[in-house]
Structures are given as structure tokens and as C-alpha cells.
Amino acid sequence: MAKLKLKTNRATAKRFNVTATGKVQHKKKGMRHNLECRSKSAKRKLRQTGYLTGADAANTKALIPYK
């Protein structure tokens, strides 16, 4: 009997990536509007990639099995 295919959660697939080492990448929040009140260093830190850890990473990986 063939194994069942798993459905990918499309909302999760658009927001997260899994690296070759298995880490889950995401973009940081807070770079859409009201940027004039933030300092340059704060905006620079928000441009960097964020990584999920622990249970958050495991739950996200379950939603995107083929990515």
C-alpha cells in the first residue's frame, strides 16, 4: 500500500524556509510602516534573518514537510 502524501500548509510555506542544516528561517516583523520613529540600528537588525527554535521550529517543520 502506498504511503499517503501530506498536504503543505501554504501560508506557512510562504513565510518560512528550512535551511540545509534544518533551521527554520523567517523575516522579522516591524518593517512595514512607522519606520521614521525607529533608529537606524534597530532597522538594520530587523533586516537580518530570524530563526525559530524549540517547539516553534518543530511545529512549523510539520506544516511544510517537503520544503
Protein backbone atom coordinates (compact mmCIF):
# COMPACT_ATOMS: atom_id res chain seq x y z
CA MET A 1 0.00 0.00 0.00
CA ALA A 2 1.34 3.40 -0.97
CA LYS A 3 2.17 5.93 1.72
CA LEU A 4 -0.19 8.90 1.96
CA LYS A 5 1.07 12.26 0.80
CA LEU A 6 0.99 15.12 3.28
CA LYS A 7 -0.52 18.47 2.41
CA THR A 8 1.70 21.51 2.77
CA ASN A 9 0.23 24.44 4.67
CA ARG A 10 0.57 27.16 2.03
CA ALA A 11 0.50 30.10 4.46
CA THR A 12 3.43 28.58 6.35
CA ALA A 13 5.31 27.75 3.14
CA LYS A 14 5.15 31.40 2.07
CA ARG A 15 6.50 32.70 5.38
CA PHE A 16 9.20 30.21 6.36
CA ASN A 17 12.19 28.43 4.79
CA VAL A 18 14.10 25.40 6.04
CA THR A 19 17.87 25.58 5.58
CA ALA A 20 20.09 22.69 4.56
CA THR A 21 21.05 22.16 8.21
CA GLY A 22 17.38 22.05 9.27
CA LYS A 23 16.97 25.50 10.80
CA VAL A 24 13.71 27.37 10.14
CA GLN A 25 14.21 30.90 8.78
CA HIS A 26 11.72 33.77 8.89
CA LYS A 27 11.66 37.51 8.27
CA LYS A 28 11.41 39.71 11.32
CA LYS A 29 8.29 41.76 11.96
CA GLY A 30 8.13 45.54 12.13
CA MET A 31 9.46 46.68 8.74
CA ARG A 32 6.19 47.71 7.07
CA HIS A 33 5.35 51.20 8.30
CA ASN A 34 6.15 53.81 11.01
CA LEU A 35 9.85 53.38 10.32
CA GLU A 36 10.71 57.04 10.87
CA CYS A 37 10.49 56.60 14.64
CA ARG A 38 12.95 53.68 14.71
CA SER A 39 16.68 54.15 14.96
CA LYS A 40 18.99 53.15 12.12
CA SER A 41 20.46 50.34 14.18
CA ALA A 42 17.01 48.96 15.03
CA LYS A 43 16.01 48.93 11.35
CA ARG A 44 19.32 47.28 10.45
CA LYS A 45 18.72 44.50 13.00
CA LEU A 46 15.22 43.93 11.63
CA ARG A 47 16.66 43.26 8.15
CA GLN A 48 18.52 40.21 9.43
CA THR A 49 17.00 36.74 9.19
CA GLY A 50 15.36 35.30 12.28
CA TYR A 51 15.37 31.63 13.25
CA LEU A 52 12.75 29.59 15.08
CA THR A 53 13.81 27.38 17.98
CA GLY A 54 12.38 24.54 20.01
CA ALA A 55 8.71 23.63 19.70
CA ASP A 56 8.01 26.50 17.27
CA ALA A 57 10.54 25.09 14.79
CA ALA A 58 9.21 21.55 15.17
CA ASN A 59 5.58 22.61 14.65
CA THR A 60 6.49 24.69 11.61
CA LYS A 61 8.50 21.87 10.03
CA ALA A 62 5.48 19.58 10.38
CA LEU A 63 3.40 22.03 8.34
CA ILE A 64 5.93 22.20 5.49
CA PRO A 65 7.08 18.58 5.06
CA TYR A 66 8.56 18.91 1.55
CA LYS A 67 10.33 22.26 1.83
